[in-house]
Amino acid sequence: MKLISEEVQEVEYITEEKEGGKKNFKIKGVFMQADIKNRNGRVYPMEVLNKEVKRYNKEYIKEKRAFGELGHPDGPTVNLERASHMITSLEADGKNFIGEAKILGTPMGEIVKNLMSEGAKLGVSSRGMGSLDQKGGANYVKSDFYLATAADIVADPSAPNAFVQGIMEGKEWVWDNGSLVEEELDRMKKRIKNRTRVKHAKEDALEFAKFLKML
């Protein structure tokens, strides 16, 4: 399975006045799109996104644990120490999935608030795990797609797409007893287990040979 990320360059800023002069900061916009070949050459079929967004809404958004990070994480899990916002809604609107997120009062969230106040242009990047099926000049995301977060907050990308892909897709991940582990680590663990089995088999053979000599 690959780590898959998609960027949206423009989101709407929302600032709401609270009692005592404090403000609520939010972002809103298109977080994901279906049935369209994006600039990374990937297509998310509508049935794949519908199913996964439904699960994400039920297990994360409604449970108030749909967090996102500031920046480009290189793994498939959300690091709460870097959480900057909480996604509060994600709904289909035609082929688009419109999301809204509340900026948190965490250290990373405060950075986002300051950037918004200074007029910085920010975007969002969805992050998930899935397999790809290449056909017709595009990579179609398969039904095993798993959404890790609907939106990380990123700067308006000025580097080539390949730079982003190099960071976000440089690793393969696999499931291991309910946890995601890097594929290379999984291969190393399997090699160690195999060597251990071979070593034990040799030791058992030597012990059996000693036993035979004693007969």
N, C-alpha and C. Protein backbone atom coordinates (compact mmCIF):
# COMPACT_ATOMS: atom_id res chain seq x y z
N MET A 1 0.84 -1.20 0.00
CA MET A 1 0.00 0.00 0.00
C MET A 1 0.88 1.25 0.00
N LYS A 2 0.46 2.24 -0.74
CA LYS A 2 1.22 3.49 -0.82
C LYS A 2 0.60 4.57 0.06
N LEU A 3 1.46 5.45 0.54
CA LEU A 3 0.98 6.66 1.20
C LEU A 3 0.59 7.64 0.11
N ILE A 4 -0.69 8.06 0.12
CA ILE A 4 -1.23 8.89 -0.96
C ILE A 4 -1.63 10.24 -0.40
N SER A 5 -1.14 11.31 -1.01
CA SER A 5 -1.53 12.65 -0.59
C SER A 5 -1.97 13.45 -1.80
N GLU A 6 -2.93 14.34 -1.57
CA GLU A 6 -3.43 15.21 -2.63
C GLU A 6 -3.56 16.63 -2.09
N GLU A 7 -3.10 17.61 -2.85
CA GLU A 7 -3.14 18.99 -2.39
C GLU A 7 -4.26 19.78 -3.06
N VAL A 8 -4.89 20.63 -2.27
CA VAL A 8 -5.82 21.64 -2.78
C VAL A 8 -5.22 22.99 -2.42
N GLN A 9 -5.04 23.85 -3.41
CA GLN A 9 -4.24 25.06 -3.19
C GLN A 9 -5.00 26.20 -2.54
N GLU A 10 -6.33 26.20 -2.61
CA GLU A 10 -7.06 27.33 -2.07
C GLU A 10 -8.17 26.87 -1.14
N VAL A 11 -8.24 27.48 0.03
CA VAL A 11 -9.33 27.25 0.96
C VAL A 11 -9.82 28.60 1.46
N GLU A 12 -11.07 28.62 1.90
CA GLU A 12 -11.66 29.85 2.43
C GLU A 12 -11.34 30.00 3.90
N TYR A 13 -10.99 31.21 4.32
CA TYR A 13 -10.75 31.48 5.73
C TYR A 13 -12.03 32.01 6.36
N ILE A 14 -12.35 31.53 7.55
CA ILE A 14 -13.51 32.00 8.29
C ILE A 14 -13.05 32.42 9.69
N THR A 15 -13.39 33.64 10.07
CA THR A 15 -13.07 34.13 11.41
C THR A 15 -14.37 34.53 12.10
N GLU A 16 -14.62 33.95 13.26
CA GLU A 16 -15.85 34.23 14.01
C GLU A 16 -15.50 34.89 15.34
N GLU A 17 -16.17 35.98 15.65
CA GLU A 17 -15.96 36.67 16.91
C GLU A 17 -16.60 35.90 18.06
N LYS A 18 -15.87 35.78 19.17
CA LYS A 18 -16.39 35.14 20.38
C LYS A 18 -16.53 36.19 21.48
N GLU A 19 -17.17 35.77 22.55
CA GLU A 19 -17.29 36.68 23.70
C GLU A 19 -15.89 36.97 24.25
N GLY A 20 -15.71 38.20 24.71
CA GLY A 20 -14.42 38.58 25.25
C GLY A 20 -13.42 39.01 24.20
N GLY A 21 -13.89 39.16 22.94
CA GLY A 21 -13.00 39.63 21.89
C GLY A 21 -12.17 38.55 21.22
N LYS A 22 -12.28 37.31 21.69
CA LYS A 22 -11.51 36.22 21.08
C LYS A 22 -12.15 35.80 19.75
N LYS A 23 -11.38 35.10 18.94
CA LYS A 23 -11.85 34.70 17.62
C LYS A 23 -11.71 33.19 17.42
N ASN A 24 -12.66 32.65 16.65
CA ASN A 24 -12.55 31.29 16.16
C ASN A 24 -12.03 31.34 14.73
N PHE A 25 -11.01 30.56 14.43
CA PHE A 25 -10.46 30.50 13.08
C PHE A 25 -10.86 29.17 12.45
N LYS A 26 -11.34 29.23 11.22
CA LYS A 26 -11.73 28.02 10.49
C LYS A 26 -11.26 28.11 9.05
N ILE A 27 -11.15 26.95 8.42
CA ILE A 27 -10.90 26.89 6.98
C ILE A 27 -11.99 26.04 6.35
N LYS A 28 -12.33 26.36 5.11
CA LYS A 28 -13.38 25.63 4.41
C LYS A 28 -13.06 25.59 2.93
N GLY A 29 -13.35 24.46 2.29
CA GLY A 29 -13.11 24.36 0.86
C GLY A 29 -13.23 22.95 0.36
N VAL A 30 -12.84 22.75 -0.90
CA VAL A 30 -12.83 21.42 -1.50
C VAL A 30 -11.63 20.66 -0.96
N PHE A 31 -11.88 19.61 -0.20
CA PHE A 31 -10.79 18.81 0.36
C PHE A 31 -10.41 17.64 -0.56
N MET A 32 -11.41 17.08 -1.27
CA MET A 32 -11.15 15.93 -2.14
C MET A 32 -12.09 15.99 -3.34
N GLN A 33 -11.69 15.33 -4.45
CA GLN A 33 -12.52 15.29 -5.66
C GLN A 33 -12.55 13.87 -6.21
N ALA A 34 -13.70 13.50 -6.76
CA ALA A 34 -13.88 12.14 -7.30
C ALA A 34 -14.00 12.15 -8.82
N ASP A 35 -13.63 11.03 -9.42
CA ASP A 35 -13.81 10.78 -10.86
C ASP A 35 -13.12 11.81 -11.75
N ILE A 36 -12.09 12.45 -11.25
CA ILE A 36 -11.33 13.43 -12.01
C ILE A 36 -9.85 13.09 -11.91
N LYS A 37 -9.15 13.05 -13.03
CA LYS A 37 -7.71 12.83 -13.01
C LYS A 37 -7.04 14.08 -12.47
N ASN A 38 -6.39 13.95 -11.31
CA ASN A 38 -5.78 15.13 -10.71
C ASN A 38 -4.36 15.34 -11.23
N ARG A 39 -3.71 16.37 -10.76
CA ARG A 39 -2.38 16.71 -11.30
C ARG A 39 -1.31 15.70 -10.93
N ASN A 40 -1.62 14.82 -9.96
CA ASN A 40 -0.70 13.73 -9.63
C ASN A 40 -0.97 12.49 -10.46
N GLY A 41 -1.91 12.59 -11.42
CA GLY A 41 -2.21 11.48 -12.30
C GLY A 41 -3.07 10.41 -11.66
N ARG A 42 -3.77 10.76 -10.57
CA ARG A 42 -4.60 9.78 -9.87
C ARG A 42 -6.08 10.10 -10.02
N VAL A 43 -6.89 9.05 -10.00
CA VAL A 43 -8.34 9.18 -10.05
C VAL A 43 -8.93 8.45 -8.86
N TYR A 44 -9.79 9.15 -8.12
CA TYR A 44 -10.52 8.55 -7.00
C TYR A 44 -11.94 8.25 -7.46
N PRO A 45 -12.30 6.99 -7.71
CA PRO A 45 -13.67 6.69 -8.09
C PRO A 45 -14.66 7.14 -7.02
N MET A 46 -15.84 7.61 -7.44
CA MET A 46 -16.82 8.13 -6.51
C MET A 46 -17.22 7.10 -5.47
N GLU A 47 -17.37 5.83 -5.89
CA GLU A 47 -17.79 4.81 -4.93
C GLU A 47 -16.73 4.57 -3.85
N VAL A 48 -15.45 4.74 -4.23
CA VAL A 48 -14.36 4.56 -3.26
C VAL A 48 -14.38 5.70 -2.23
N LEU A 49 -14.50 6.94 -2.71
CA LEU A 49 -14.52 8.07 -1.79
C LEU A 49 -15.78 8.09 -0.94
N ASN A 50 -16.93 7.78 -1.53
CA ASN A 50 -18.18 7.77 -0.77
C ASN A 50 -18.09 6.81 0.42
N LYS A 51 -17.60 5.61 0.15
CA LYS A 51 -17.50 4.60 1.20
C LYS A 51 -16.53 5.04 2.29
N GLU A 52 -15.38 5.57 1.90
CA GLU A 52 -14.36 5.92 2.88
C GLU A 52 -14.72 7.19 3.66
N VAL A 53 -15.31 8.16 2.99
CA VAL A 53 -15.74 9.38 3.69
C VAL A 53 -16.84 9.06 4.70
N LYS A 54 -17.73 8.14 4.35
CA LYS A 54 -18.77 7.71 5.28
C LYS A 54 -18.16 7.12 6.54
N ARG A 55 -17.14 6.26 6.36
CA ARG A 55 -16.46 5.67 7.52
C ARG A 55 -15.72 6.74 8.32
N TYR A 56 -15.05 7.65 7.62
CA TYR A 56 -14.28 8.72 8.28
C TYR A 56 -15.20 9.62 9.10
N ASN A 57 -16.37 9.94 8.55
CA ASN A 57 -17.34 10.75 9.28
C ASN A 57 -17.81 10.06 10.55
N LYS A 58 -18.11 8.79 10.43
CA LYS A 58 -18.63 8.03 11.57
C LYS A 58 -17.58 7.81 12.65
N GLU A 59 -16.39 7.39 12.26
CA GLU A 59 -15.37 7.00 13.23
C GLU A 59 -14.50 8.16 13.72
N TYR A 60 -14.42 9.23 12.94
CA TYR A 60 -13.51 10.32 13.32
C TYR A 60 -14.22 11.66 13.53
N ILE A 61 -14.91 12.15 12.52
CA ILE A 61 -15.51 13.49 12.66
C ILE A 61 -16.56 13.52 13.75
N LYS A 62 -17.48 12.58 13.74
CA LYS A 62 -18.55 12.57 14.75
C LYS A 62 -18.02 12.29 16.15
N GLU A 63 -16.86 11.63 16.25
CA GLU A 63 -16.25 11.35 17.54
C GLU A 63 -15.26 12.43 17.96
N LYS A 64 -15.18 13.50 17.16
CA LYS A 64 -14.30 14.65 17.44
C LYS A 64 -12.83 14.23 17.59
N ARG A 65 -12.39 13.36 16.70
CA ARG A 65 -10.99 12.96 16.69
C ARG A 65 -10.40 12.97 15.28
N ALA A 66 -10.99 13.81 14.42
CA ALA A 66 -10.50 13.95 13.05
C ALA A 66 -9.52 15.12 13.00
N PHE A 67 -8.27 14.84 13.29
CA PHE A 67 -7.26 15.90 13.37
C PHE A 67 -6.39 15.93 12.11
N GLY A 68 -5.76 17.05 11.90
CA GLY A 68 -4.79 17.20 10.82
C GLY A 68 -3.57 17.93 11.34
N GLU A 69 -2.47 17.86 10.59
CA GLU A 69 -1.21 18.45 11.01
C GLU A 69 -0.84 19.66 10.16
N LEU A 70 0.09 20.43 10.65
CA LEU A 70 0.68 21.52 9.89
C LEU A 70 1.93 20.98 9.19
N GLY A 71 1.95 21.07 7.86
CA GLY A 71 3.11 20.59 7.11
C GLY A 71 2.84 19.27 6.43
N HIS A 72 3.93 18.68 5.89
CA HIS A 72 3.85 17.44 5.12
C HIS A 72 4.41 16.27 5.93
N PRO A 73 3.58 15.57 6.70
CA PRO A 73 4.07 14.38 7.41
C PRO A 73 4.48 13.30 6.42
N ASP A 74 5.44 12.45 6.83
CA ASP A 74 5.91 11.41 5.92
C ASP A 74 5.41 10.03 6.32
N GLY A 75 4.39 9.97 7.15
CA GLY A 75 3.83 8.68 7.56
C GLY A 75 2.32 8.71 7.50
N PRO A 76 1.66 7.56 7.71
CA PRO A 76 0.21 7.47 7.54
C PRO A 76 -0.60 7.76 8.79
N THR A 77 0.03 8.12 9.90
CA THR A 77 -0.72 8.38 11.12
C THR A 77 -0.59 9.85 11.52
N VAL A 78 -1.57 10.33 12.27
CA VAL A 78 -1.57 11.73 12.72
C VAL A 78 -0.82 11.83 14.04
N ASN A 79 0.17 12.70 14.08
CA ASN A 79 0.95 12.95 15.29
C ASN A 79 0.28 14.09 16.06
N LEU A 80 -0.30 13.78 17.22
CA LEU A 80 -1.05 14.78 17.97
C LEU A 80 -0.17 15.95 18.43
N GLU A 81 1.12 15.73 18.56
CA GLU A 81 2.00 16.84 18.94
C GLU A 81 2.07 17.90 17.85
N ARG A 82 1.75 17.53 16.63
CA ARG A 82 1.79 18.47 15.50
C ARG A 82 0.39 18.84 15.02
N ALA A 83 -0.65 18.41 15.73
CA ALA A 83 -2.02 18.71 15.32
C ALA A 83 -2.26 20.22 15.34
N SER A 84 -2.85 20.74 14.28
CA SER A 84 -3.12 22.17 14.18
C SER A 84 -4.61 22.48 14.03
N HIS A 85 -5.41 21.47 13.69
CA HIS A 85 -6.82 21.72 13.45
C HIS A 85 -7.62 20.44 13.61
N MET A 86 -8.93 20.61 13.78
CA MET A 86 -9.85 19.48 13.87
C MET A 86 -10.89 19.61 12.76
N ILE A 87 -11.00 18.58 11.94
CA ILE A 87 -11.97 18.59 10.84
C ILE A 87 -13.36 18.37 11.42
N THR A 88 -14.28 19.28 11.13
CA THR A 88 -15.62 19.24 11.72
C THR A 88 -16.70 18.79 10.76
N SER A 89 -16.42 18.81 9.46
CA SER A 89 -17.40 18.31 8.50
C SER A 89 -16.72 17.94 7.19
N LEU A 90 -17.30 16.98 6.50
CA LEU A 90 -16.81 16.56 5.18
C LEU A 90 -18.00 15.95 4.44
N GLU A 91 -18.55 16.69 3.48
CA GLU A 91 -19.77 16.28 2.81
C GLU A 91 -19.61 16.36 1.29
N ALA A 92 -20.30 15.45 0.59
CA ALA A 92 -20.26 15.44 -0.87
C ALA A 92 -21.10 16.56 -1.44
N ASP A 93 -20.56 17.19 -2.50
CA ASP A 93 -21.28 18.20 -3.27
C ASP A 93 -20.97 17.93 -4.73
N GLY A 94 -21.77 17.10 -5.36
CA GLY A 94 -21.45 16.63 -6.70
C GLY A 94 -20.23 15.72 -6.63
N LYS A 95 -19.21 16.03 -7.41
CA LYS A 95 -17.97 15.25 -7.40
C LYS A 95 -16.97 15.77 -6.38
N ASN A 96 -17.30 16.88 -5.72
CA ASN A 96 -16.42 17.46 -4.72
C ASN A 96 -16.82 17.03 -3.31
N PHE A 97 -15.85 17.00 -2.43
CA PHE A 97 -16.12 16.78 -1.01
C PHE A 97 -15.68 18.03 -0.27
N ILE A 98 -16.68 18.77 0.23
CA ILE A 98 -16.44 20.04 0.90
C ILE A 98 -16.16 19.78 2.37
N GLY A 99 -15.04 20.29 2.84
CA GLY A 99 -14.65 20.09 4.23
C GLY A 99 -14.55 21.40 4.98
N GLU A 100 -14.68 21.32 6.28
CA GLU A 100 -14.47 22.47 7.16
C GLU A 100 -13.67 22.03 8.36
N ALA A 101 -12.77 22.86 8.82
CA ALA A 101 -11.91 22.51 9.95
C ALA A 101 -11.75 23.71 10.88
N LYS A 102 -11.74 23.43 12.16
CA LYS A 102 -11.52 24.45 13.19
C LYS A 102 -10.05 24.46 13.59
N ILE A 103 -9.44 25.64 13.58
CA ILE A 103 -8.04 25.75 13.97
C ILE A 103 -7.95 25.68 15.49
N LEU A 104 -7.07 24.82 15.99
CA LEU A 104 -6.95 24.57 17.42
C LEU A 104 -6.01 25.58 18.10
N GLY A 105 -6.09 25.60 19.42
CA GLY A 105 -5.20 26.46 20.20
C GLY A 105 -3.90 25.79 20.57
N THR A 106 -3.48 24.80 19.79
CA THR A 106 -2.22 24.10 20.00
C THR A 106 -1.06 24.96 19.46
N PRO A 107 0.19 24.61 19.78
CA PRO A 107 1.31 25.38 19.22
C PRO A 107 1.27 25.47 17.70
N MET A 108 0.97 24.35 17.02
CA MET A 108 0.89 24.39 15.56
C MET A 108 -0.33 25.16 15.09
N GLY A 109 -1.42 25.05 15.84
CA GLY A 109 -2.62 25.80 15.50
C GLY A 109 -2.41 27.30 15.59
N GLU A 110 -1.65 27.72 16.61
CA GLU A 110 -1.37 29.15 16.77
C GLU A 110 -0.53 29.68 15.61
N ILE A 111 0.35 28.84 15.09
CA ILE A 111 1.14 29.24 13.91
C ILE A 111 0.21 29.47 12.73
N VAL A 112 -0.76 28.54 12.56
CA VAL A 112 -1.72 28.68 11.46
C VAL A 112 -2.54 29.96 11.61
N LYS A 113 -3.00 30.24 12.83
CA LYS A 113 -3.78 31.46 13.07
C LYS A 113 -2.97 32.71 12.70
N ASN A 114 -1.72 32.73 13.10
CA ASN A 114 -0.86 33.88 12.77
C ASN A 114 -0.66 34.02 11.27
N LEU A 115 -0.48 32.88 10.59
CA LEU A 115 -0.32 32.93 9.13
C LEU A 115 -1.58 33.46 8.47
N MET A 116 -2.74 33.00 8.94
CA MET A 116 -4.00 33.48 8.39
C MET A 116 -4.17 34.98 8.64
N SER A 117 -3.84 35.43 9.85
CA SER A 117 -3.98 36.84 10.19
C SER A 117 -3.06 37.72 9.35
N GLU A 118 -1.92 37.17 8.96
CA GLU A 118 -0.96 37.92 8.15
C GLU A 118 -1.25 37.84 6.66
N GLY A 119 -2.34 37.13 6.31
CA GLY A 119 -2.73 37.07 4.91
C GLY A 119 -2.02 36.00 4.10
N ALA A 120 -1.40 35.03 4.76
CA ALA A 120 -0.70 33.97 4.04
C ALA A 120 -1.69 33.10 3.26
N LYS A 121 -1.26 32.60 2.13
CA LYS A 121 -2.09 31.71 1.31
C LYS A 121 -1.77 30.27 1.68
N LEU A 122 -2.76 29.56 2.17
CA LEU A 122 -2.57 28.18 2.62
C LEU A 122 -3.43 27.23 1.81
N GLY A 123 -3.03 25.99 1.78
CA GLY A 123 -3.80 24.94 1.12
C GLY A 123 -3.97 23.77 2.06
N VAL A 124 -4.67 22.75 1.58
CA VAL A 124 -4.83 21.53 2.37
C VAL A 124 -4.38 20.33 1.55
N SER A 125 -4.00 19.29 2.26
CA SER A 125 -3.53 18.07 1.61
C SER A 125 -4.12 16.87 2.33
N SER A 126 -4.94 16.09 1.63
CA SER A 126 -5.47 14.86 2.22
C SER A 126 -4.37 13.81 2.28
N ARG A 127 -4.53 12.87 3.20
CA ARG A 127 -3.49 11.85 3.39
C ARG A 127 -4.17 10.51 3.68
N GLY A 128 -3.79 9.48 2.93
CA GLY A 128 -4.40 8.18 3.15
C GLY A 128 -3.53 7.06 2.64
N MET A 129 -4.01 5.83 2.82
CA MET A 129 -3.31 4.64 2.38
C MET A 129 -4.16 3.92 1.34
N GLY A 130 -3.51 3.35 0.33
CA GLY A 130 -4.28 2.61 -0.65
C GLY A 130 -3.41 2.02 -1.74
N SER A 131 -4.02 1.14 -2.50
CA SER A 131 -3.37 0.53 -3.65
C SER A 131 -3.82 1.25 -4.92
N LEU A 132 -2.98 1.20 -5.95
CA LEU A 132 -3.27 1.88 -7.20
C LEU A 132 -3.36 0.89 -8.35
N ASP A 133 -4.30 1.16 -9.26
CA ASP A 133 -4.48 0.33 -10.45
C ASP A 133 -4.29 1.22 -11.66
N GLN A 134 -3.21 0.97 -12.44
CA GLN A 134 -2.89 1.83 -13.57
C GLN A 134 -3.68 1.40 -14.81
N LYS A 135 -4.42 2.36 -15.37
CA LYS A 135 -5.15 2.09 -16.60
C LYS A 135 -5.50 3.41 -17.28
N GLY A 136 -5.46 3.39 -18.60
CA GLY A 136 -5.81 4.57 -19.37
C GLY A 136 -4.97 5.79 -19.07
N GLY A 137 -3.71 5.59 -18.71
CA GLY A 137 -2.82 6.73 -18.45
C GLY A 137 -3.02 7.38 -17.10
N ALA A 138 -3.75 6.71 -16.19
CA ALA A 138 -3.97 7.26 -14.86
C ALA A 138 -3.87 6.15 -13.82
N ASN A 139 -3.61 6.53 -12.58
CA ASN A 139 -3.59 5.58 -11.47
C ASN A 139 -4.91 5.68 -10.71
N TYR A 140 -5.71 4.62 -10.76
CA TYR A 140 -6.99 4.60 -10.08
C TYR A 140 -6.83 4.06 -8.66
N VAL A 141 -7.32 4.82 -7.70
CA VAL A 141 -7.25 4.41 -6.30
C VAL A 141 -8.26 3.29 -6.08
N LYS A 142 -7.79 2.17 -5.51
CA LYS A 142 -8.63 0.99 -5.37
C LYS A 142 -9.48 1.04 -4.09
N SER A 143 -10.33 0.06 -3.95
CA SER A 143 -11.34 0.06 -2.87
C SER A 143 -10.74 -0.14 -1.48
N ASP A 144 -9.43 -0.45 -1.38
CA ASP A 144 -8.82 -0.59 -0.05
C ASP A 144 -8.34 0.75 0.51
N PHE A 145 -8.70 1.85 -0.16
CA PHE A 145 -8.27 3.18 0.27
C PHE A 145 -8.74 3.46 1.69
N TYR A 146 -7.80 3.97 2.52
CA TYR A 146 -8.07 4.29 3.92
C TYR A 146 -7.62 5.72 4.18
N LEU A 147 -8.56 6.58 4.56
CA LEU A 147 -8.27 8.00 4.78
C LEU A 147 -7.70 8.21 6.17
N ALA A 148 -6.46 8.70 6.24
CA ALA A 148 -5.83 8.98 7.53
C ALA A 148 -6.27 10.35 8.05
N THR A 149 -6.28 11.34 7.16
CA THR A 149 -6.82 12.65 7.51
C THR A 149 -7.32 13.32 6.23
N ALA A 150 -8.45 13.99 6.34
CA ALA A 150 -9.00 14.66 5.17
C ALA A 150 -8.21 15.90 4.81
N ALA A 151 -7.43 16.43 5.76
CA ALA A 151 -6.71 17.67 5.47
C ALA A 151 -5.56 17.91 6.43
N ASP A 152 -4.34 17.98 5.90
CA ASP A 152 -3.22 18.63 6.57
C ASP A 152 -3.13 20.03 5.98
N ILE A 153 -2.64 20.98 6.74
CA ILE A 153 -2.49 22.35 6.25
C ILE A 153 -1.08 22.53 5.70
N VAL A 154 -1.00 23.00 4.45
CA VAL A 154 0.30 23.15 3.79
C VAL A 154 0.39 24.53 3.15
N ALA A 155 1.61 24.95 2.87
CA ALA A 155 1.81 26.20 2.14
C ALA A 155 1.42 26.01 0.69
N ASP A 156 1.03 27.10 0.05
CA ASP A 156 0.74 27.05 -1.38
C ASP A 156 1.96 26.49 -2.10
N PRO A 157 1.84 25.30 -2.71
CA PRO A 157 3.03 24.64 -3.27
C PRO A 157 3.63 25.40 -4.45
N SER A 158 4.93 25.65 -4.37
CA SER A 158 5.63 26.29 -5.48
C SER A 158 6.65 25.34 -6.08
N ALA A 159 6.99 24.27 -5.36
CA ALA A 159 7.94 23.29 -5.88
C ALA A 159 7.22 22.38 -6.87
N PRO A 160 7.97 21.70 -7.77
CA PRO A 160 7.34 20.77 -8.71
C PRO A 160 6.61 19.66 -7.97
N ASN A 161 5.59 19.11 -8.63
CA ASN A 161 4.81 18.03 -8.03
C ASN A 161 5.69 16.86 -7.62
N ALA A 162 6.72 16.61 -8.40
CA ALA A 162 7.58 15.45 -8.11
C ALA A 162 8.23 15.58 -6.74
N PHE A 163 8.49 16.82 -6.30
CA PHE A 163 9.11 17.02 -4.99
C PHE A 163 8.17 16.56 -3.90
N VAL A 164 6.90 16.91 -4.03
CA VAL A 164 5.90 16.47 -3.05
C VAL A 164 5.76 14.97 -3.08
N GLN A 165 5.67 14.40 -4.28
CA GLN A 165 5.51 12.96 -4.41
C GLN A 165 6.71 12.23 -3.84
N GLY A 166 7.90 12.82 -4.01
CA GLY A 166 9.10 12.17 -3.48
C GLY A 166 9.08 12.07 -1.98
N ILE A 167 8.50 13.09 -1.33
CA ILE A 167 8.40 13.06 0.13
C ILE A 167 7.29 12.13 0.58
N MET A 168 6.12 12.26 -0.05
CA MET A 168 4.94 11.59 0.44
C MET A 168 4.80 10.14 -0.01
N GLU A 169 5.46 9.80 -1.12
CA GLU A 169 5.26 8.46 -1.66
C GLU A 169 6.56 7.66 -1.73
N GLY A 170 7.53 8.03 -0.93
CA GLY A 170 8.80 7.35 -0.97
C GLY A 170 8.83 6.05 -0.20
N LYS A 171 7.74 5.74 0.50
CA LYS A 171 7.72 4.55 1.33
C LYS A 171 6.47 3.74 1.06
N GLU A 172 6.59 2.44 1.25
CA GLU A 172 5.44 1.55 1.19
C GLU A 172 5.10 1.15 2.62
N TRP A 173 3.79 0.96 2.88
CA TRP A 173 3.34 0.61 4.22
C TRP A 173 2.48 -0.64 4.15
N VAL A 174 2.49 -1.44 5.20
CA VAL A 174 1.70 -2.66 5.25
C VAL A 174 1.02 -2.75 6.61
N TRP A 175 -0.10 -3.49 6.65
CA TRP A 175 -0.78 -3.74 7.91
C TRP A 175 -0.10 -4.89 8.64
N ASP A 176 0.11 -4.74 9.94
CA ASP A 176 0.71 -5.79 10.76
C ASP A 176 -0.04 -5.85 12.08
N ASN A 177 -0.94 -6.81 12.20
CA ASN A 177 -1.73 -6.96 13.43
C ASN A 177 -2.45 -5.67 13.83
N GLY A 178 -3.06 -5.02 12.82
CA GLY A 178 -3.84 -3.82 13.10
C GLY A 178 -3.05 -2.54 13.11
N SER A 179 -1.73 -2.61 12.89
CA SER A 179 -0.90 -1.40 12.88
C SER A 179 -0.24 -1.24 11.53
N LEU A 180 0.05 0.02 11.15
CA LEU A 180 0.76 0.30 9.91
C LEU A 180 2.25 0.36 10.19
N VAL A 181 3.01 -0.42 9.44
CA VAL A 181 4.47 -0.40 9.59
C VAL A 181 5.08 -0.22 8.21
N GLU A 182 6.24 0.41 8.18
CA GLU A 182 6.93 0.61 6.91
C GLU A 182 7.32 -0.75 6.34
N GLU A 183 7.16 -0.90 5.02
CA GLU A 183 7.36 -2.20 4.38
C GLU A 183 8.78 -2.72 4.59
N GLU A 184 9.77 -1.83 4.52
CA GLU A 184 11.15 -2.27 4.69
C GLU A 184 11.37 -2.83 6.10
N LEU A 185 10.75 -2.19 7.11
CA LEU A 185 10.85 -2.71 8.48
C LEU A 185 10.19 -4.08 8.58
N ASP A 186 9.07 -4.23 7.88
CA ASP A 186 8.37 -5.51 7.89
C ASP A 186 9.23 -6.59 7.26
N ARG A 187 9.91 -6.23 6.15
CA ARG A 187 10.79 -7.20 5.50
C ARG A 187 11.95 -7.58 6.41
N MET A 188 12.52 -6.59 7.10
CA MET A 188 13.62 -6.86 8.02
C MET A 188 13.17 -7.80 9.14
N LYS A 189 11.99 -7.53 9.68
CA LYS A 189 11.47 -8.37 10.76
C LYS A 189 11.29 -9.81 10.29
N LYS A 190 10.79 -9.97 9.06
CA LYS A 190 10.59 -11.31 8.52
C LYS A 190 11.92 -12.03 8.29
N ARG A 191 12.94 -11.24 7.82
CA ARG A 191 14.26 -11.84 7.60
C ARG A 191 14.85 -12.33 8.93
N ILE A 192 14.69 -11.51 9.98
CA ILE A 192 15.21 -11.89 11.30
C ILE A 192 14.51 -13.16 11.80
N LYS A 193 13.19 -13.22 11.62
CA LYS A 193 12.44 -14.40 12.04
C LYS A 193 12.90 -15.64 11.29
N ASN A 194 13.14 -15.48 9.97
CA ASN A 194 13.60 -16.61 9.16
C ASN A 194 14.97 -17.10 9.61
N ARG A 195 15.88 -16.12 9.87
CA ARG A 195 17.22 -16.49 10.34
C ARG A 195 17.15 -17.20 11.68
N THR A 196 16.25 -16.72 12.55
CA THR A 196 16.09 -17.35 13.86
C THR A 196 15.59 -18.78 13.71
N ARG A 197 14.63 -18.97 12.80
CA ARG A 197 14.11 -20.32 12.58
C ARG A 197 15.21 -21.24 12.04
N VAL A 198 16.01 -20.71 11.08
CA VAL A 198 17.10 -21.52 10.51
C VAL A 198 18.11 -21.88 11.59
N LYS A 199 18.45 -20.87 12.44
CA LYS A 199 19.41 -21.11 13.52
C LYS A 199 18.91 -22.17 14.47
N HIS A 200 17.62 -22.07 14.85
CA HIS A 200 17.05 -23.07 15.76
C HIS A 200 17.02 -24.44 15.13
N ALA A 201 16.73 -24.49 13.80
CA ALA A 201 16.70 -25.78 13.11
C ALA A 201 18.08 -26.43 13.12
N LYS A 202 19.14 -25.62 12.90
CA LYS A 202 20.50 -26.15 12.93
C LYS A 202 20.87 -26.66 14.32
N GLU A 203 20.47 -25.87 15.35
CA GLU A 203 20.76 -26.27 16.72
C GLU A 203 20.03 -27.57 17.07
N ASP A 204 18.78 -27.68 16.62
CA ASP A 204 18.02 -28.90 16.87
C ASP A 204 18.66 -30.09 16.18
N ALA A 205 19.17 -29.86 14.96
CA ALA A 205 19.81 -30.94 14.22
C ALA A 205 21.08 -31.41 14.92
N LEU A 206 21.87 -30.45 15.45
CA LEU A 206 23.08 -30.80 16.17
C LEU A 206 22.77 -31.58 17.43
N GLU A 207 21.74 -31.15 18.16
CA GLU A 207 21.34 -31.86 19.38
C GLU A 207 20.89 -33.27 19.07
N PHE A 208 20.15 -33.42 17.94
CA PHE A 208 19.67 -34.75 17.56
C PHE A 208 20.84 -35.64 17.16
N ALA A 209 21.84 -35.02 16.49
CA ALA A 209 23.03 -35.80 16.08
C ALA A 209 23.80 -36.28 17.32
N LYS A 210 23.95 -35.43 18.32
CA LYS A 210 24.59 -35.83 19.58
C LYS A 210 23.84 -36.97 20.25
N PHE A 211 22.49 -36.86 20.21
CA PHE A 211 21.68 -37.91 20.82
C PHE A 211 21.91 -39.25 20.13
N LEU A 212 21.99 -39.22 18.77
CA LEU A 212 22.19 -40.45 18.03
C LEU A 212 23.54 -41.10 18.36
N LYS A 213 24.57 -40.27 18.55
CA LYS A 213 25.90 -40.79 18.88
C LYS A 213 25.92 -41.48 20.24
N MET A 214 25.02 -41.02 21.11
CA MET A 214 24.98 -41.61 22.46
C MET A 214 24.28 -42.96 22.50
N LEU A 215 23.58 -43.32 21.40
CA LEU A 215 22.86 -44.58 21.41
C LEU A 215 23.80 -45.76 21.26
